[in-house]
Amino acid sequence: MSTQSSRLAARVMVAPSVLLLFIWMVVPLAMTLYYSFRLYRLISPDRTGWVGFTNYLWFINAPEFWLAMGNTLALVGGVLAITVTLGILIALLIDQPVKGQGVLRILVIAPFFVMPPVAASILENLFMHPQNGLFAAVSMSFGAQPILFLQDYPMWSVIAIVSWEWLPFATLILLTSLQSLSSEQLEAAEMDGASALNRFRFIILPHMMRAITVVILIQTIFLLGIFGEIFTTTQGGPGSASTTLPYMIFKQAIAAKDIGRAAAGGIIAVILANIVAYFLMRGIGRHLDT
């Protein structure tokens, strides 16, 4: 009886939070789904009506839709490759016993706490500015013309900025996993004559696979919705060269004032995000159970 009473009391106390969270999630999604089937433009609010799948068909057939899809996947893939690779290397470096190790770790993690638009603005003006940036100064010191990163390589520039922001997160998770590895295994392998490369390949890397999986899953969820960095730097340009799916939805909602088409794009983005998450969980999520 006491167990049943405690369970009932727990459910009663948790119920308001669960209900609030359910409303917080379902109501916006339901409204987005509702407007995606309607004609709703802010420049002509009097013209309304049910249009069915017209908004979806327009969004999918838009000239920049597939380019935005490719840019979104390139952004996710590029950032994951950079952050996971560099995260492993940096974690291995700062795990070494050196003086000031605690300060070094704080400095490595610090960029993650900078707001995305602020970080993008800092990197744009400090490094990529064609006149006052660090890269421009180095180029001119060798007699070469500065590289216009945001014009000539907009997508690569965005990937570099986002990677700088998310690298501390990957490093922190991977460092935590690395520190949980028993030093006895490494010492035994070293005594058996295993080289540093073999110790990394057969002991360290397999041990870190769970952490790598967590980094990939969490980062993918957030990277699919990257917006602030693009808005601050390239604004989707030149043309649509750095337009991603979230930024395309933003342009329809704010620039074109077409809420119906933007809502359809939002639903498409939710569906695609769930598809990506499903295949990620099927493909690499099994490492969480090992």
Protein backbone atom coordinates (compact mmCIF):
# COMPACT_ATOMS: atom_id res chain seq x y z
CA MET A 1 0.00 0.00 0.00
CA SER A 2 2.80 2.39 0.85
CA THR A 3 4.47 1.70 -2.49
CA GLN A 4 1.23 2.34 -4.39
CA SER A 5 0.63 5.52 -2.41
CA SER A 6 4.14 6.82 -3.07
CA ARG A 7 3.82 6.08 -6.78
CA LEU A 8 0.46 7.85 -6.94
CA ALA A 9 1.85 10.85 -5.04
CA ALA A 10 4.85 11.00 -7.39
CA ARG A 11 2.61 10.95 -10.43
CA VAL A 12 0.39 13.67 -9.03
CA MET A 13 3.36 15.91 -8.30
CA VAL A 14 4.97 15.31 -11.68
CA ALA A 15 1.72 15.69 -13.65
CA PRO A 16 1.66 19.56 -13.76
CA SER A 17 5.18 19.70 -15.16
CA VAL A 18 4.46 17.00 -17.72
CA LEU A 19 1.21 18.72 -18.74
CA LEU A 20 2.93 22.10 -19.07
CA LEU A 21 5.73 20.60 -21.14
CA PHE A 22 3.19 18.79 -23.32
CA ILE A 23 1.29 22.03 -23.97
CA TRP A 24 4.54 23.92 -24.57
CA MET A 25 5.49 21.43 -27.30
CA VAL A 26 2.16 20.46 -28.84
CA VAL A 27 0.46 23.86 -29.16
CA PRO A 28 3.17 25.50 -31.34
CA LEU A 29 3.47 22.35 -33.44
CA ALA A 30 -0.30 22.17 -33.90
CA MET A 31 -0.49 25.84 -34.89
CA THR A 32 2.39 25.41 -37.35
CA LEU A 33 0.64 22.39 -38.87
CA TYR A 34 -2.63 24.33 -39.09
CA TYR A 35 -1.13 27.37 -40.84
CA SER A 36 0.87 25.18 -43.22
CA PHE A 37 -2.40 24.20 -44.91
CA ARG A 38 -3.70 27.76 -45.17
CA LEU A 39 -3.04 30.88 -47.19
CA TYR A 40 -1.70 33.34 -44.62
CA ARG A 41 0.42 36.30 -45.69
CA LEU A 42 1.09 39.26 -43.44
CA ILE A 43 1.08 41.69 -46.37
CA SER A 44 -2.49 40.64 -47.21
CA PRO A 45 -4.07 39.35 -43.98
CA ASP A 46 -7.57 39.56 -45.42
CA ARG A 47 -6.81 36.89 -48.00
CA THR A 48 -7.10 33.62 -46.15
CA GLY A 49 -8.33 30.17 -46.96
CA TRP A 50 -7.57 26.49 -47.02
CA VAL A 51 -4.98 25.60 -49.68
CA GLY A 52 -4.18 22.00 -48.78
CA PHE A 53 -0.69 20.90 -49.75
CA THR A 54 -0.01 23.90 -51.99
CA ASN A 55 2.41 25.44 -49.50
CA TYR A 56 4.32 22.18 -49.20
CA LEU A 57 4.55 21.77 -52.98
CA TRP A 58 5.76 25.34 -53.39
CA PHE A 59 8.41 24.92 -50.71
CA ILE A 60 9.73 21.65 -52.13
CA ASN A 61 9.74 22.98 -55.70
CA ALA A 62 11.41 26.28 -54.74
CA PRO A 63 14.71 26.75 -56.63
CA GLU A 64 16.78 27.05 -53.44
CA PHE A 65 15.16 24.21 -51.50
CA TRP A 66 17.54 21.46 -52.56
CA LEU A 67 20.50 23.82 -52.29
CA ALA A 68 19.40 24.63 -48.75
CA MET A 69 19.08 20.92 -48.01
CA GLY A 70 22.59 20.27 -49.31
CA ASN A 71 24.00 23.19 -47.33
CA THR A 72 22.29 21.94 -44.17
CA LEU A 73 23.74 18.45 -44.53
CA ALA A 74 27.16 19.88 -45.44
CA LEU A 75 27.08 22.06 -42.34
CA VAL A 76 26.17 19.14 -40.07
CA GLY A 77 28.70 16.76 -41.64
CA GLY A 78 31.52 19.30 -41.76
CA VAL A 79 31.09 20.46 -38.16
CA LEU A 80 30.85 16.88 -36.88
CA ALA A 81 34.01 15.83 -38.71
CA ILE A 82 35.99 18.81 -37.41
CA THR A 83 34.74 18.78 -33.82
CA VAL A 84 35.04 15.03 -33.28
CA THR A 85 38.52 14.82 -34.82
CA LEU A 86 39.94 17.89 -33.12
CA GLY A 87 38.02 17.10 -29.93
CA ILE A 88 39.80 13.76 -29.61
CA LEU A 89 43.21 15.34 -30.25
CA ILE A 90 42.66 18.21 -27.80
CA ALA A 91 41.29 15.84 -25.17
CA LEU A 92 44.42 13.71 -25.48
CA LEU A 93 46.61 16.79 -25.12
CA ILE A 94 44.95 18.41 -22.10
CA ASP A 95 44.66 15.06 -20.34
CA GLN A 96 48.44 15.08 -19.95
CA PRO A 97 49.75 16.11 -16.52
CA VAL A 98 51.05 19.66 -17.08
CA LYS A 99 51.29 22.73 -14.91
CA GLY A 100 48.16 24.88 -15.03
CA GLN A 101 46.05 22.02 -16.32
CA GLY A 102 42.85 23.36 -14.73
CA VAL A 103 43.26 26.82 -16.28
CA LEU A 104 44.02 25.24 -19.65
CA ARG A 105 40.82 23.22 -19.54
CA ILE A 106 38.77 26.30 -18.68
CA LEU A 107 40.27 28.19 -21.61
CA VAL A 108 39.47 25.30 -23.97
CA ILE A 109 35.85 25.08 -22.81
CA ALA A 110 35.24 28.87 -22.60
CA PRO A 111 34.13 29.45 -26.25
CA PHE A 112 31.10 27.22 -25.71
CA PHE A 113 29.59 29.82 -23.35
CA VAL A 114 29.73 32.64 -25.92
CA MET A 115 26.38 33.37 -27.60
CA PRO A 116 26.38 32.18 -31.25
CA PRO A 117 25.76 35.60 -32.89
CA VAL A 118 28.46 37.16 -30.70
CA ALA A 119 30.94 34.39 -31.50
CA ALA A 120 30.19 34.66 -35.22
CA SER A 121 30.64 38.43 -35.15
CA ILE A 122 33.94 38.16 -33.25
CA LEU A 123 35.39 35.55 -35.62
CA GLU A 124 34.18 37.43 -38.68
CA ASN A 125 35.79 40.73 -37.67
CA LEU A 126 38.86 39.35 -35.91
CA PHE A 127 39.93 36.75 -38.46
CA MET A 128 37.92 36.94 -41.71
CA HIS A 129 37.55 40.68 -42.30
CA PRO A 130 39.09 41.47 -45.72
CA GLN A 131 40.85 44.60 -44.42
CA ASN A 132 41.29 44.41 -40.67
CA GLY A 133 41.20 40.66 -40.10
CA LEU A 134 44.17 38.59 -38.95
CA PHE A 135 44.15 36.43 -42.08
CA ALA A 136 44.13 39.56 -44.28
CA ALA A 137 47.12 40.97 -42.38
CA VAL A 138 49.07 37.74 -42.84
CA SER A 139 48.23 37.62 -46.56
CA MET A 140 49.26 41.23 -47.14
CA SER A 141 52.49 40.70 -45.22
CA PHE A 142 53.46 38.14 -47.88
CA GLY A 143 52.36 40.44 -50.70
CA ALA A 144 49.20 38.48 -51.50
CA GLN A 145 45.64 39.70 -51.81
CA PRO A 146 43.36 39.01 -48.81
CA ILE A 147 40.91 36.15 -49.21
CA LEU A 148 37.26 37.16 -49.13
CA PHE A 149 36.16 34.25 -46.98
CA LEU A 150 32.49 35.16 -46.60
CA GLN A 151 32.13 35.90 -50.30
CA ASP A 152 34.30 33.26 -51.95
CA TYR A 153 33.87 30.47 -49.37
CA PRO A 154 30.66 31.31 -47.47
CA MET A 155 29.66 27.79 -46.48
CA TRP A 156 33.17 26.82 -45.40
CA SER A 157 33.36 30.02 -43.35
CA VAL A 158 30.10 29.20 -41.57
CA ILE A 159 31.30 25.64 -40.91
CA ALA A 160 34.54 26.99 -39.41
CA ILE A 161 32.66 29.41 -37.15
CA VAL A 162 30.17 26.80 -35.92
CA SER A 163 32.98 24.28 -35.41
CA TRP A 164 34.83 26.77 -33.19
CA GLU A 165 31.67 27.15 -31.09
CA TRP A 166 30.97 23.42 -30.71
CA LEU A 167 34.56 22.18 -30.35
CA PRO A 168 34.63 22.86 -26.56
CA PHE A 169 31.49 20.75 -26.05
CA ALA A 170 32.97 17.81 -27.94
CA THR A 171 36.28 18.20 -26.12
CA LEU A 172 34.60 18.24 -22.71
CA ILE A 173 32.58 15.07 -23.35
CA LEU A 174 35.54 13.24 -24.88
CA LEU A 175 37.88 14.36 -22.09
CA THR A 176 35.44 13.03 -19.50
CA SER A 177 35.38 9.68 -21.29
CA LEU A 178 39.15 9.62 -21.57
CA GLN A 179 39.60 10.24 -17.86
CA SER A 180 37.38 7.27 -17.04
CA LEU A 181 39.80 4.93 -18.80
CA SER A 182 41.80 2.80 -16.38
CA SER A 183 45.48 3.65 -16.49
CA GLU A 184 46.27 0.01 -15.70
CA GLN A 185 45.15 -1.05 -19.18
CA LEU A 186 47.45 1.45 -20.84
CA GLU A 187 50.35 0.51 -18.58
CA ALA A 188 49.84 -3.19 -19.28
CA ALA A 189 49.73 -2.56 -23.03
CA GLU A 190 52.87 -0.44 -22.84
CA MET A 191 54.69 -3.15 -20.90
CA ASP A 192 53.65 -5.67 -23.58
CA GLY A 193 55.35 -3.49 -26.19
CA ALA A 194 52.31 -1.81 -27.76
CA SER A 195 53.18 1.44 -29.50
CA ALA A 196 51.37 4.71 -28.75
CA LEU A 197 49.43 4.41 -32.02
CA ASN A 198 48.31 0.87 -31.21
CA ARG A 199 47.29 1.88 -27.68
CA PHE A 200 45.18 4.66 -29.15
CA ARG A 201 43.66 2.43 -31.84
CA PHE A 202 42.84 -0.65 -29.79
CA ILE A 203 42.28 0.74 -26.26
CA ILE A 204 41.60 4.48 -26.16
CA LEU A 205 39.42 4.87 -29.26
CA PRO A 206 37.11 1.89 -28.52
CA HIS A 207 36.70 3.19 -24.97
CA MET A 208 35.68 6.62 -26.29
CA MET A 209 33.09 5.32 -28.77
CA ARG A 210 30.18 5.86 -26.39
CA ALA A 211 31.24 9.47 -25.85
CA ILE A 212 31.74 10.00 -29.59
CA THR A 213 28.24 8.66 -30.18
CA VAL A 214 26.79 11.07 -27.62
CA VAL A 215 28.63 13.99 -29.23
CA ILE A 216 27.35 13.09 -32.70
CA LEU A 217 23.75 12.62 -31.56
CA ILE A 218 23.52 15.81 -29.50
CA GLN A 219 25.38 18.02 -31.96
CA THR A 220 23.35 16.79 -34.92
CA ILE A 221 20.10 17.78 -33.19
CA PHE A 222 21.34 21.32 -32.60
CA LEU A 223 23.24 21.75 -35.88
CA LEU A 224 20.11 21.07 -37.92
CA GLY A 225 18.69 24.32 -36.51
CA ILE A 226 21.73 26.61 -36.91
CA PHE A 227 20.55 30.12 -37.74
CA GLY A 228 22.24 32.89 -35.73
CA GLU A 229 25.71 32.40 -37.22
CA ILE A 230 24.39 32.62 -40.79
CA PHE A 231 22.23 35.65 -40.03
CA THR A 232 25.16 37.46 -38.42
CA THR A 233 27.74 36.75 -41.14
CA THR A 234 26.56 35.79 -44.64
CA GLN A 235 22.76 36.21 -44.35
CA GLY A 236 22.38 33.19 -46.60
CA GLY A 237 24.50 34.64 -49.40
CA PRO A 238 26.05 35.39 -51.69
CA GLY A 239 22.75 34.58 -53.38
CA SER A 240 21.75 31.32 -51.72
CA ALA A 241 25.25 29.88 -51.38
CA SER A 242 25.05 29.59 -47.58
CA THR A 243 21.27 29.32 -47.16
CA THR A 244 20.26 26.40 -44.97
CA LEU A 245 16.78 25.04 -44.37
CA PRO A 246 16.19 27.06 -41.16
CA TYR A 247 17.37 30.25 -42.87
CA MET A 248 15.13 29.57 -45.87
CA ILE A 249 12.18 29.25 -43.49
CA PHE A 250 13.19 32.52 -41.84
CA LYS A 251 13.27 34.32 -45.20
CA GLN A 252 9.77 33.12 -46.02
CA ALA A 253 8.39 34.11 -42.62
CA ILE A 254 10.14 37.48 -42.13
CA ALA A 255 11.31 38.71 -45.54
CA ALA A 256 8.44 37.39 -47.68
CA LYS A 257 5.83 37.70 -44.88
CA ASP A 258 4.38 34.35 -45.95
CA ILE A 259 3.50 32.48 -42.77
CA GLY A 260 1.77 29.63 -44.61
CA ARG A 261 4.79 28.68 -46.68
CA ALA A 262 7.13 29.19 -43.74
CA ALA A 263 4.95 26.91 -41.60
CA ALA A 264 5.07 24.25 -44.33
CA GLY A 265 8.85 24.57 -44.36
CA GLY A 266 8.89 24.18 -40.59
CA ILE A 267 6.91 20.95 -40.77
CA ILE A 268 9.23 19.66 -43.50
CA ALA A 269 12.23 20.52 -41.31
CA VAL A 270 10.71 18.67 -38.35
CA ILE A 271 10.07 15.58 -40.50
CA LEU A 272 13.60 15.62 -41.93
CA ALA A 273 15.12 16.11 -38.47
CA ASN A 274 13.23 13.10 -37.17
CA ILE A 275 14.35 11.02 -40.15
CA VAL A 276 17.98 11.96 -39.54
CA ALA A 277 17.63 11.25 -35.82
CA TYR A 278 16.06 7.86 -36.54
CA PHE A 279 18.88 6.73 -38.80
CA LEU A 280 21.46 8.08 -36.38
CA MET A 281 19.92 6.11 -33.54
CA ARG A 282 19.78 3.00 -35.72
CA GLY A 283 23.28 3.46 -37.09
CA ILE A 284 25.37 4.58 -34.13
CA GLY A 285 22.96 4.52 -31.18
CA ARG A 286 23.77 0.87 -30.54
CA HIS A 287 27.09 1.97 -29.04
CA LEU A 288 25.15 3.40 -26.11
CA ASP A 289 24.05 -0.09 -25.15
CA THR A 290 27.51 -1.64 -25.21
